[in-house]
Amino acid sequence: AMKRYILKMGEKSRMNRNPKFSYENWGPTFFSFKYLQFVLKVKWKRLEDEAYEGHPAPNTPVVNLSGEVCHLLDFMKDNRPLILNFGSCT
């Protein structure tokens, strides 16, 4: 039932039109114990990373274009504001 649901969501988002997106490549690992452990670990680490209006931004880890792990506030320069732009290339 879950496989049918995921594939139906793939149809809505048109992911199934991508020849490299095959359920057989990623589906069996999606509900594995290792995947569940990973998700819980990430969620646990991010519990404190919540942004509230008028409060300092969380200094979350990010990966730069070189693949190095740094922190969000490492990009601050002097007294200038840090502007984040989120988008998608799909």
PDB file of N, CA and C in Angstrom:
ATOM      1  N   ALA A   1       0.829  -1.201   0.000  1.00  0.00           N
ATOM      2  CA  ALA A   1       0.000   0.000   0.000  1.00  0.00           C
ATOM      3  C   ALA A   1       0.869   1.258   0.000  1.00  0.00           C
ATOM      4  N   MET A   2       1.961   1.223   0.783  1.00  0.00           N
ATOM      5  CA  MET A   2       2.841   2.383   0.854  1.00  0.00           C
ATOM      6  C   MET A   2       3.550   2.609  -0.475  1.00  0.00           C
ATOM      7  N   LYS A   3       3.941   1.516  -1.128  1.00  0.00           N
ATOM      8  CA  LYS A   3       4.593   1.643  -2.436  1.00  0.00           C
ATOM      9  C   LYS A   3       3.649   2.318  -3.425  1.00  0.00           C
ATOM     10  N   ARG A   4       2.374   1.892  -3.436  1.00  0.00           N
ATOM     11  CA  ARG A   4       1.390   2.507  -4.345  1.00  0.00           C
ATOM     12  C   ARG A   4       1.231   3.995  -4.034  1.00  0.00           C
ATOM     13  N   TYR A   5       1.184   4.328  -2.747  1.00  0.00           N
ATOM     14  CA  TYR A   5       1.029   5.729  -2.344  1.00  0.00           C
ATOM     15  C   TYR A   5       2.221   6.570  -2.814  1.00  0.00           C
ATOM     16  N   ILE A   6       3.432   6.065  -2.591  1.00  0.00           N
ATOM     17  CA  ILE A   6       4.627   6.800  -2.990  1.00  0.00           C
ATOM     18  C   ILE A   6       4.673   6.976  -4.504  1.00  0.00           C
ATOM     19  N   LEU A   7       4.350   5.922  -5.232  1.00  0.00           N
ATOM     20  CA  LEU A   7       4.362   6.027  -6.691  1.00  0.00           C
ATOM     21  C   LEU A   7       3.291   6.996  -7.187  1.00  0.00           C
ATOM     22  N   LYS A   8       2.147   7.022  -6.509  1.00  0.00           N
ATOM     23  CA  LYS A   8       1.092   7.973  -6.886  1.00  0.00           C
ATOM     24  C   LYS A   8       1.569   9.411  -6.648  1.00  0.00           C
ATOM     25  N   MET A   9       2.262   9.648  -5.525  1.00  0.00           N
ATOM     26  CA  MET A   9       2.817  10.979  -5.247  1.00  0.00           C
ATOM     27  C   MET A   9       3.858  11.348  -6.307  1.00  0.00           C
ATOM     28  N   GLY A  10       4.624  10.350  -6.760  1.00  0.00           N
ATOM     29  CA  GLY A  10       5.600  10.576  -7.822  1.00  0.00           C
ATOM     30  C   GLY A  10       4.938  10.999  -9.123  1.00  0.00           C
ATOM     31  N   GLU A  11       3.760  10.451  -9.394  1.00  0.00           N
ATOM     32  CA  GLU A  11       3.013  10.845 -10.589  1.00  0.00           C
ATOM     33  C   GLU A  11       2.556  12.295 -10.485  1.00  0.00           C
ATOM     34  N   LYS A  12       2.070  12.687  -9.305  1.00  0.00           N
ATOM     35  CA  LYS A  12       1.603  14.060  -9.114  1.00  0.00           C
ATOM     36  C   LYS A  12       2.739  15.061  -9.291  1.00  0.00           C
ATOM     37  N   SER A  13       3.931  14.712  -8.786  1.00  0.00           N
ATOM     38  CA  SER A  13       5.055  15.638  -8.865  1.00  0.00           C
ATOM     39  C   SER A  13       5.861  15.439 -10.150  1.00  0.00           C
ATOM     40  N   ARG A  14       5.449  14.488 -10.969  1.00  0.00           N
ATOM     41  CA  ARG A  14       6.096  14.162 -12.239  1.00  0.00           C
ATOM     42  C   ARG A  14       7.500  13.577 -12.065  1.00  0.00           C
ATOM     43  N   MET A  15       7.825  13.110 -10.850  1.00  0.00           N
ATOM     44  CA  MET A  15       9.130  12.491 -10.619  1.00  0.00           C
ATOM     45  C   MET A  15       9.275  11.208 -11.435  1.00  0.00           C
ATOM     46  N   ASN A  16       8.159  10.536 -11.695  1.00  0.00           N
ATOM     47  CA  ASN A  16       8.226   9.270 -12.424  1.00  0.00           C
ATOM     48  C   ASN A  16       8.615   9.461 -13.889  1.00  0.00           C
ATOM     49  N   ARG A  17       8.638  10.683 -14.367  1.00  0.00           N
ATOM     50  CA  ARG A  17       9.072  10.938 -15.751  1.00  0.00           C
ATOM     51  C   ARG A  17      10.591  10.963 -15.868  1.00  0.00           C
ATOM     52  N   ASN A  18      11.268  11.052 -14.736  1.00  0.00           N
ATOM     53  CA  ASN A  18      12.718  11.047 -14.726  1.00  0.00           C
ATOM     54  C   ASN A  18      13.193   9.599 -14.824  1.00  0.00           C
ATOM     55  N   PRO A  19      13.932   9.239 -15.895  1.00  0.00           N
ATOM     56  CA  PRO A  19      14.348   7.843 -16.046  1.00  0.00           C
ATOM     57  C   PRO A  19      15.294   7.383 -14.944  1.00  0.00           C
ATOM     58  N   LYS A  20      15.964   8.310 -14.268  1.00  0.00           N
ATOM     59  CA  LYS A  20      16.878   7.937 -13.190  1.00  0.00           C
ATOM     60  C   LYS A  20      16.151   7.749 -11.858  1.00  0.00           C
ATOM     61  N   PHE A  21      14.875   8.081 -11.820  1.00  0.00           N
ATOM     62  CA  PHE A  21      14.084   7.956 -10.594  1.00  0.00           C
ATOM     63  C   PHE A  21      13.262   6.687 -10.667  1.00  0.00           C
ATOM     64  N   SER A  22      13.842   5.617 -10.231  1.00  0.00           N
ATOM     65  CA  SER A  22      13.166   4.327 -10.265  1.00  0.00           C
ATOM     66  C   SER A  22      12.938   3.856  -8.833  1.00  0.00           C
ATOM     67  N   TYR A  23      11.725   3.473  -8.536  1.00  0.00           N
ATOM     68  CA  TYR A  23      11.390   3.022  -7.184  1.00  0.00           C
ATOM     69  C   TYR A  23      12.306   1.883  -6.744  1.00  0.00           C
ATOM     70  N   GLU A  24      12.678   1.025  -7.654  1.00  0.00           N
ATOM     71  CA  GLU A  24      13.524  -0.116  -7.314  1.00  0.00           C
ATOM     72  C   GLU A  24      14.895   0.332  -6.824  1.00  0.00           C
ATOM     73  N   ASN A  25      15.346   1.535  -7.236  1.00  0.00           N
ATOM     74  CA  ASN A  25      16.660   2.035  -6.815  1.00  0.00           C
ATOM     75  C   ASN A  25      16.659   2.536  -5.373  1.00  0.00           C
ATOM     76  N   TRP A  26      15.557   3.105  -4.917  1.00  0.00           N
ATOM     77  CA  TRP A  26      15.547   3.710  -3.580  1.00  0.00           C
ATOM     78  C   TRP A  26      14.445   3.187  -2.673  1.00  0.00           C
ATOM     79  N   GLY A  27      13.397   2.626  -3.218  1.00  0.00           N
ATOM     80  CA  GLY A  27      12.254   2.187  -2.425  1.00  0.00           C
ATOM     81  C   GLY A  27      12.560   1.197  -1.321  1.00  0.00           C
ATOM     82  N   PRO A  28      13.351   0.146  -1.604  1.00  0.00           N
ATOM     83  CA  PRO A  28      13.613  -0.838  -0.547  1.00  0.00           C
ATOM     84  C   PRO A  28      14.337  -0.258   0.675  1.00  0.00           C
ATOM     85  N   THR A  29      15.110   0.794   0.496  1.00  0.00           N
ATOM     86  CA  THR A  29      15.837   1.379   1.631  1.00  0.00           C
ATOM     87  C   THR A  29      15.007   2.428   2.359  1.00  0.00           C
ATOM     88  N   PHE A  30      13.928   2.878   1.743  1.00  0.00           N
ATOM     89  CA  PHE A  30      13.161   3.996   2.286  1.00  0.00           C
ATOM     90  C   PHE A  30      12.550   3.687   3.641  1.00  0.00           C
ATOM     91  N   PHE A  31      12.134   2.469   3.865  1.00  0.00           N
ATOM     92  CA  PHE A  31      11.515   2.100   5.130  1.00  0.00           C
ATOM     93  C   PHE A  31      12.389   1.136   5.932  1.00  0.00           C
ATOM     94  N   SER A  32      13.685   1.173   5.683  1.00  0.00           N
ATOM     95  CA  SER A  32      14.596   0.296   6.413  1.00  0.00           C
ATOM     96  C   SER A  32      14.867   0.851   7.809  1.00  0.00           C
ATOM     97  N   PHE A  33      15.376   0.018   8.686  1.00  0.00           N
ATOM     98  CA  PHE A  33      15.712   0.435  10.039  1.00  0.00           C
ATOM     99  C   PHE A  33      16.823   1.478  10.009  1.00  0.00           C
ATOM    100  N   LYS A  34      17.788   1.306   9.110  1.00  0.00           N
ATOM    101  CA  LYS A  34      18.903   2.260   8.995  1.00  0.00           C
ATOM    102  C   LYS A  34      18.381   3.644   8.605  1.00  0.00           C
ATOM    103  N   TYR A  35      17.429   3.698   7.696  1.00  0.00           N
ATOM    104  CA  TYR A  35      16.840   4.978   7.284  1.00  0.00           C
ATOM    105  C   TYR A  35      16.086   5.620   8.455  1.00  0.00           C
ATOM    106  N   LEU A  36      15.327   4.822   9.194  1.00  0.00           N
ATOM    107  CA  LEU A  36      14.601   5.330  10.346  1.00  0.00           C
ATOM    108  C   LEU A  36      15.569   5.901  11.382  1.00  0.00           C
ATOM    109  N   GLN A  37      16.677   5.199  11.640  1.00  0.00           N
ATOM    110  CA  GLN A  37      17.682   5.701  12.574  1.00  0.00           C
ATOM    111  C   GLN A  37      18.229   7.046  12.109  1.00  0.00           C
ATOM    112  N   PHE A  38      18.510   7.169  10.818  1.00  0.00           N
ATOM    113  CA  PHE A  38      19.038   8.417  10.261  1.00  0.00           C
ATOM    114  C   PHE A  38      18.053   9.563  10.461  1.00  0.00           C
ATOM    115  N   VAL A  39      16.792   9.332  10.140  1.00  0.00           N
ATOM    116  CA  VAL A  39      15.772  10.375  10.279  1.00  0.00           C
ATOM    117  C   VAL A  39      15.633  10.805  11.729  1.00  0.00           C
ATOM    118  N   LEU A  40      15.587   9.851  12.647  1.00  0.00           N
ATOM    119  CA  LEU A  40      15.464  10.182  14.062  1.00  0.00           C
ATOM    120  C   LEU A  40      16.685  10.949  14.571  1.00  0.00           C
ATOM    121  N   LYS A  41      17.864  10.569  14.107  1.00  0.00           N
ATOM    122  CA  LYS A  41      19.093  11.265  14.504  1.00  0.00           C
ATOM    123  C   LYS A  41      19.061  12.715  14.043  1.00  0.00           C
ATOM    124  N   VAL A  42      18.661  12.951  12.799  1.00  0.00           N
ATOM    125  CA  VAL A  42      18.586  14.308  12.265  1.00  0.00           C
ATOM    126  C   VAL A  42      17.533  15.116  13.016  1.00  0.00           C
ATOM    127  N   LYS A  43      16.370  14.533  13.244  1.00  0.00           N
ATOM    128  CA  LYS A  43      15.306  15.241  13.967  1.00  0.00           C
ATOM    129  C   LYS A  43      15.753  15.591  15.390  1.00  0.00           C
ATOM    130  N   TRP A  44      16.426  14.662  16.061  1.00  0.00           N
ATOM    131  CA  TRP A  44      16.882  14.904  17.428  1.00  0.00           C
ATOM    132  C   TRP A  44      17.887  16.063  17.465  1.00  0.00           C
ATOM    133  N   LYS A  45      18.812  16.078  16.506  1.00  0.00           N
ATOM    134  CA  LYS A  45      19.814  17.151  16.467  1.00  0.00           C
ATOM    135  C   LYS A  45      19.188  18.507  16.166  1.00  0.00           C
ATOM    136  N   ARG A  46      18.084  18.521  15.448  1.00  0.00           N
ATOM    137  CA  ARG A  46      17.471  19.778  15.007  1.00  0.00           C
ATOM    138  C   ARG A  46      16.369  20.264  15.948  1.00  0.00           C
ATOM    139  N   LEU A  47      16.149  19.596  17.069  1.00  0.00           N
ATOM    140  CA  LEU A  47      15.077  20.013  17.968  1.00  0.00           C
ATOM    141  C   LEU A  47      15.226  21.463  18.417  1.00  0.00           C
ATOM    142  N   GLU A  48      16.470  21.884  18.665  1.00  0.00           N
ATOM    143  CA  GLU A  48      16.691  23.242  19.154  1.00  0.00           C
ATOM    144  C   GLU A  48      16.749  24.274  18.028  1.00  0.00           C
ATOM    145  N   ASP A  49      16.782  23.839  16.800  1.00  0.00           N
ATOM    146  CA  ASP A  49      16.927  24.753  15.664  1.00  0.00           C
ATOM    147  C   ASP A  49      15.586  25.276  15.178  1.00  0.00           C
ATOM    148  N   GLU A  50      15.003  26.133  15.960  1.00  0.00           N
ATOM    149  CA  GLU A  50      13.746  26.757  15.574  1.00  0.00           C
ATOM    150  C   GLU A  50      13.939  28.254  15.556  1.00  0.00           C
ATOM    151  N   ALA A  51      13.402  28.892  14.560  1.00  0.00           N
ATOM    152  CA  ALA A  51      13.529  30.342  14.445  1.00  0.00           C
ATOM    153  C   ALA A  51      12.261  31.011  14.952  1.00  0.00           C
ATOM    154  N   TYR A  52      12.450  32.035  15.744  1.00  0.00           N
ATOM    155  CA  TYR A  52      11.334  32.812  16.270  1.00  0.00           C
ATOM    156  C   TYR A  52      11.542  34.271  15.907  1.00  0.00           C
ATOM    157  N   GLU A  53      10.485  34.932  15.521  1.00  0.00           N
ATOM    158  CA  GLU A  53      10.560  36.342  15.162  1.00  0.00           C
ATOM    159  C   GLU A  53      11.094  37.151  16.347  1.00  0.00           C
ATOM    160  N   GLY A  54      12.092  37.993  16.058  1.00  0.00           N
ATOM    161  CA  GLY A  54      12.670  38.848  17.087  1.00  0.00           C
ATOM    162  C   GLY A  54      13.762  38.189  17.905  1.00  0.00           C
ATOM    163  N   HIS A  55      14.052  36.921  17.649  1.00  0.00           N
ATOM    164  CA  HIS A  55      15.102  36.203  18.362  1.00  0.00           C
ATOM    165  C   HIS A  55      16.251  35.887  17.403  1.00  0.00           C
ATOM    166  N   PRO A  56      17.431  35.595  17.929  1.00  0.00           N
ATOM    167  CA  PRO A  56      18.560  35.241  17.042  1.00  0.00           C
ATOM    168  C   PRO A  56      18.260  33.978  16.219  1.00  0.00           C
ATOM    169  N   ALA A  57      18.797  33.950  15.030  1.00  0.00           N
ATOM    170  CA  ALA A  57      18.619  32.788  14.154  1.00  0.00           C
ATOM    171  C   ALA A  57      19.451  31.621  14.676  1.00  0.00           C
ATOM    172  N   PRO A  58      18.979  30.393  14.514  1.00  0.00           N
ATOM    173  CA  PRO A  58      19.781  29.237  14.924  1.00  0.00           C
ATOM    174  C   PRO A  58      21.018  29.116  14.037  1.00  0.00           C
ATOM    175  N   ASN A  59      22.114  28.727  14.616  1.00  0.00           N
ATOM    176  CA  ASN A  59      23.372  28.596  13.874  1.00  0.00           C
ATOM    177  C   ASN A  59      23.515  27.163  13.372  1.00  0.00           C
ATOM    178  N   THR A  60      22.687  26.794  12.423  1.00  0.00           N
ATOM    179  CA  THR A  60      22.639  25.412  11.940  1.00  0.00           C
ATOM    180  C   THR A  60      23.811  25.101  11.019  1.00  0.00           C
ATOM    181  N   PRO A  61      24.226  23.834  10.991  1.00  0.00           N
ATOM    182  CA  PRO A  61      25.287  23.453  10.058  1.00  0.00           C
ATOM    183  C   PRO A  61      24.763  23.467   8.624  1.00  0.00           C
ATOM    184  N   VAL A  62      25.611  23.886   7.711  1.00  0.00           N
ATOM    185  CA  VAL A  62      25.291  23.908   6.283  1.00  0.00           C
ATOM    186  C   VAL A  62      26.503  23.374   5.521  1.00  0.00           C
ATOM    187  N   VAL A  63      26.290  22.970   4.296  1.00  0.00           N
ATOM    188  CA  VAL A  63      27.376  22.501   3.440  1.00  0.00           C
ATOM    189  C   VAL A  63      27.555  23.526   2.338  1.00  0.00           C
ATOM    190  N   ASN A  64      28.781  24.049   2.193  1.00  0.00           N
ATOM    191  CA  ASN A  64      29.018  25.046   1.143  1.00  0.00           C
ATOM    192  C   ASN A  64      29.248  24.353  -0.195  1.00  0.00           C
ATOM    193  N   LEU A  65      29.457  25.132  -1.239  1.00  0.00           N
ATOM    194  CA  LEU A  65      29.584  24.563  -2.582  1.00  0.00           C
ATOM    195  C   LEU A  65      30.818  23.686  -2.738  1.00  0.00           C
ATOM    196  N   SER A  66      31.807  23.849  -1.861  1.00  0.00           N
ATOM    197  CA  SER A  66      33.015  23.016  -1.896  1.00  0.00           C
ATOM    198  C   SER A  66      32.812  21.695  -1.168  1.00  0.00           C
ATOM    199  N   GLY A  67      31.664  21.538  -0.509  1.00  0.00           N
ATOM    200  CA  GLY A  67      31.378  20.321   0.226  1.00  0.00           C
ATOM    201  C   GLY A  67      31.811  20.373   1.681  1.00  0.00           C
ATOM    202  N   GLU A  68      32.330  21.521   2.129  1.00  0.00           N
ATOM    203  CA  GLU A  68      32.749  21.660   3.524  1.00  0.00           C
ATOM    204  C   GLU A  68      31.546  21.954   4.414  1.00  0.00           C
ATOM    205  N   VAL A  69      31.545  21.365   5.604  1.00  0.00           N
ATOM    206  CA  VAL A  69      30.492  21.638   6.577  1.00  0.00           C
ATOM    207  C   VAL A  69      30.916  22.846   7.401  1.00  0.00           C
ATOM    208  N   CYS A  70      30.066  23.851   7.454  1.00  0.00           N
ATOM    209  CA  CYS A  70      30.304  25.035   8.271  1.00  0.00           C
ATOM    210  C   CYS A  70      28.971  25.398   8.918  1.00  0.00           C
ATOM    211  N   HIS A  71      28.909  26.546   9.534  1.00  0.00           N
ATOM    212  CA  HIS A  71      27.669  26.960  10.190  1.00  0.00           C
ATOM    213  C   HIS A  71      27.120  28.206   9.514  1.00  0.00           C
ATOM    214  N   LEU A  72      25.824  28.347   9.577  1.00  0.00           N
ATOM    215  CA  LEU A  72      25.117  29.424   8.904  1.00  0.00           C
ATOM    216  C   LEU A  72      25.703  30.795   9.236  1.00  0.00           C
ATOM    217  N   LEU A  73      25.933  31.035  10.510  1.00  0.00           N
ATOM    218  CA  LEU A  73      26.391  32.366  10.912  1.00  0.00           C
ATOM    219  C   LEU A  73      27.856  32.626  10.564  1.00  0.00           C
ATOM    220  N   ASP A  74      28.573  31.609  10.034  1.00  0.00           N
ATOM    221  CA  ASP A  74      29.936  31.826   9.546  1.00  0.00           C
ATOM    222  C   ASP A  74      29.946  32.750   8.335  1.00  0.00           C
ATOM    223  N   PHE A  75      28.816  32.894   7.686  1.00  0.00           N
ATOM    224  CA  PHE A  75      28.729  33.725   6.484  1.00  0.00           C
ATOM    225  C   PHE A  75      28.430  35.193   6.797  1.00  0.00           C
ATOM    226  N   MET A  76      28.245  35.517   8.063  1.00  0.00           N
ATOM    227  CA  MET A  76      27.997  36.913   8.459  1.00  0.00           C
ATOM    228  C   MET A  76      29.275  37.733   8.237  1.00  0.00           C
ATOM    229  N   LYS A  77      29.119  38.946   7.754  1.00  0.00           N
ATOM    230  CA  LYS A  77      30.237  39.860   7.542  1.00  0.00           C
ATOM    231  C   LYS A  77      29.935  41.165   8.253  1.00  0.00           C
ATOM    232  N   ASP A  78      30.792  41.527   9.192  1.00  0.00           N
ATOM    233  CA  ASP A  78      30.672  42.784   9.932  1.00  0.00           C
ATOM    234  C   ASP A  78      29.252  42.977  10.466  1.00  0.00           C
ATOM    235  N   ASN A  79      28.675  44.120  10.137  1.00  0.00           N
ATOM    236  CA  ASN A  79      27.338  44.469  10.627  1.00  0.00           C
ATOM    237  C   ASN A  79      26.269  44.315   9.539  1.00  0.00           C
ATOM    238  N   ARG A  80      26.641  43.666   8.431  1.00  0.00           N
ATOM    239  CA  ARG A  80      25.702  43.523   7.316  1.00  0.00           C
ATOM    240  C   ARG A  80      24.717  42.394   7.591  1.00  0.00           C
ATOM    241  N   PRO A  81      23.478  42.537   7.131  1.00  0.00           N
ATOM    242  CA  PRO A  81      22.518  41.437   7.329  1.00  0.00           C
ATOM    243  C   PRO A  81      22.855  40.252   6.440  1.00  0.00           C
ATOM    244  N   LEU A  82      22.524  39.080   6.891  1.00  0.00           N
ATOM    245  CA  LEU A  82      22.712  37.850   6.120  1.00  0.00           C
ATOM    246  C   LEU A  82      21.359  37.516   5.485  1.00  0.00           C
ATOM    247  N   ILE A  83      21.344  37.425   4.162  1.00  0.00           N
ATOM    248  CA  ILE A  83      20.106  37.148   3.446  1.00  0.00           C
ATOM    249  C   ILE A  83      20.172  35.729   2.883  1.00  0.00           C
ATOM    250  N   LEU A  84      19.167  34.940   3.178  1.00  0.00           N
ATOM    251  CA  LEU A  84      19.087  33.567   2.681  1.00  0.00           C
ATOM    252  C   LEU A  84      18.018  33.504   1.603  1.00  0.00           C
ATOM    253  N   ASN A  85      18.358  32.874   0.492  1.00  0.00           N
ATOM    254  CA  ASN A  85      17.427  32.723  -0.610  1.00  0.00           C
ATOM    255  C   ASN A  85      17.258  31.225  -0.857  1.00  0.00           C
ATOM    256  N   PHE A  86      16.039  30.725  -0.690  1.00  0.00           N
ATOM    257  CA  PHE A  86      15.770  29.306  -0.891  1.00  0.00           C
ATOM    258  C   PHE A  86      15.071  29.113  -2.226  1.00  0.00           C
ATOM    259  N   GLY A  87      15.473  28.066  -2.917  1.00  0.00           N
ATOM    260  CA  GLY A  87      14.855  27.797  -4.202  1.00  0.00           C
ATOM    261  C   GLY A  87      15.052  26.362  -4.603  1.00  0.00           C
ATOM    262  N   SER A  88      14.630  26.048  -5.802  1.00  0.00           N
ATOM    263  CA  SER A  88      14.721  24.695  -6.309  1.00  0.00           C
ATOM    264  C   SER A  88      15.154  24.749  -7.762  1.00  0.00           C
ATOM    265  N   CYS A  89      15.907  23.772  -8.175  1.00  0.00           N
ATOM    266  CA  CYS A  89      16.373  23.698  -9.560  1.00  0.00           C
ATOM    267  C   CYS A  89      15.602  22.663 -10.358  1.00  0.00           C
ATOM    268  N   THR A  90      14.506  22.175  -9.803  1.00  0.00           N
ATOM    269  CA  THR A  90      13.776  21.127 -10.520  1.00  0.00           C
ATOM    270  C   THR A  90      12.634  21.718 -11.299  1.00  0.00           C
TER     271      THR A  90
END
